[in-house]
Each structure stands twice: as structure tokens, then as C-alpha cells.
Amino acid sequence: MIEYPELPPVDDADFELLAENQAAVKAFFVLDDSAWQFSSMGEIICLDYLAADVIWRRLSLELDSDAFAGVMLFSKTIANLLRND
């Protein structure tokens, strides 16, 4: 299971989710920690896109190329942040 860093509480007014990003955000967050690849030492490596695709298909989520690019950006950013923590 991924150990997420402690984050300060976010006030609802602190950010806005743009409509064009909603599909990517939803697709990313339905994965939780079930589609990540980990090293033998338990460190996060990257998102397993084949596993993610199975989850998305089972949930009937269809991602266009922009939403998939957004998921890739989220996953790479989070993996880098967790590795550098």
C-alpha cells in the first residue's frame, strides 16, 4: 500500500477542477493503490498501465488521448514526489 505524505487541509476555494481535466482526475483516482508497480524494497516505481486499463474497462471508463495524457502526468508527478520524499 502506498504511504502518502501528510498534506495540509485544502479549503474548497483553494483550487478549481477544470472540466477538461475531470476525466483524467476520475480515471486516476479510481485506481487508488491497486495499479502501481513497486520495487522489492516497497518503493513506488510507476503506474502499471496494463493493470489500470483493466480497471478502467471493468468500470466502463473510456479515456480519450487527452485524459490518458493527464493520467500519465499525474502518475509520473506523484511517483517522483513519493520517491524524493
Foldseek 3Di string as FASTA:
>chain_A
DDDDDDDDDDDPPNDDDDPLQVLLVVLQVVCPPVQFDADPVGQTDWGNVVVSVVVCVVVVRDDDPSSVVSNRVVGVVRSVVRVVD
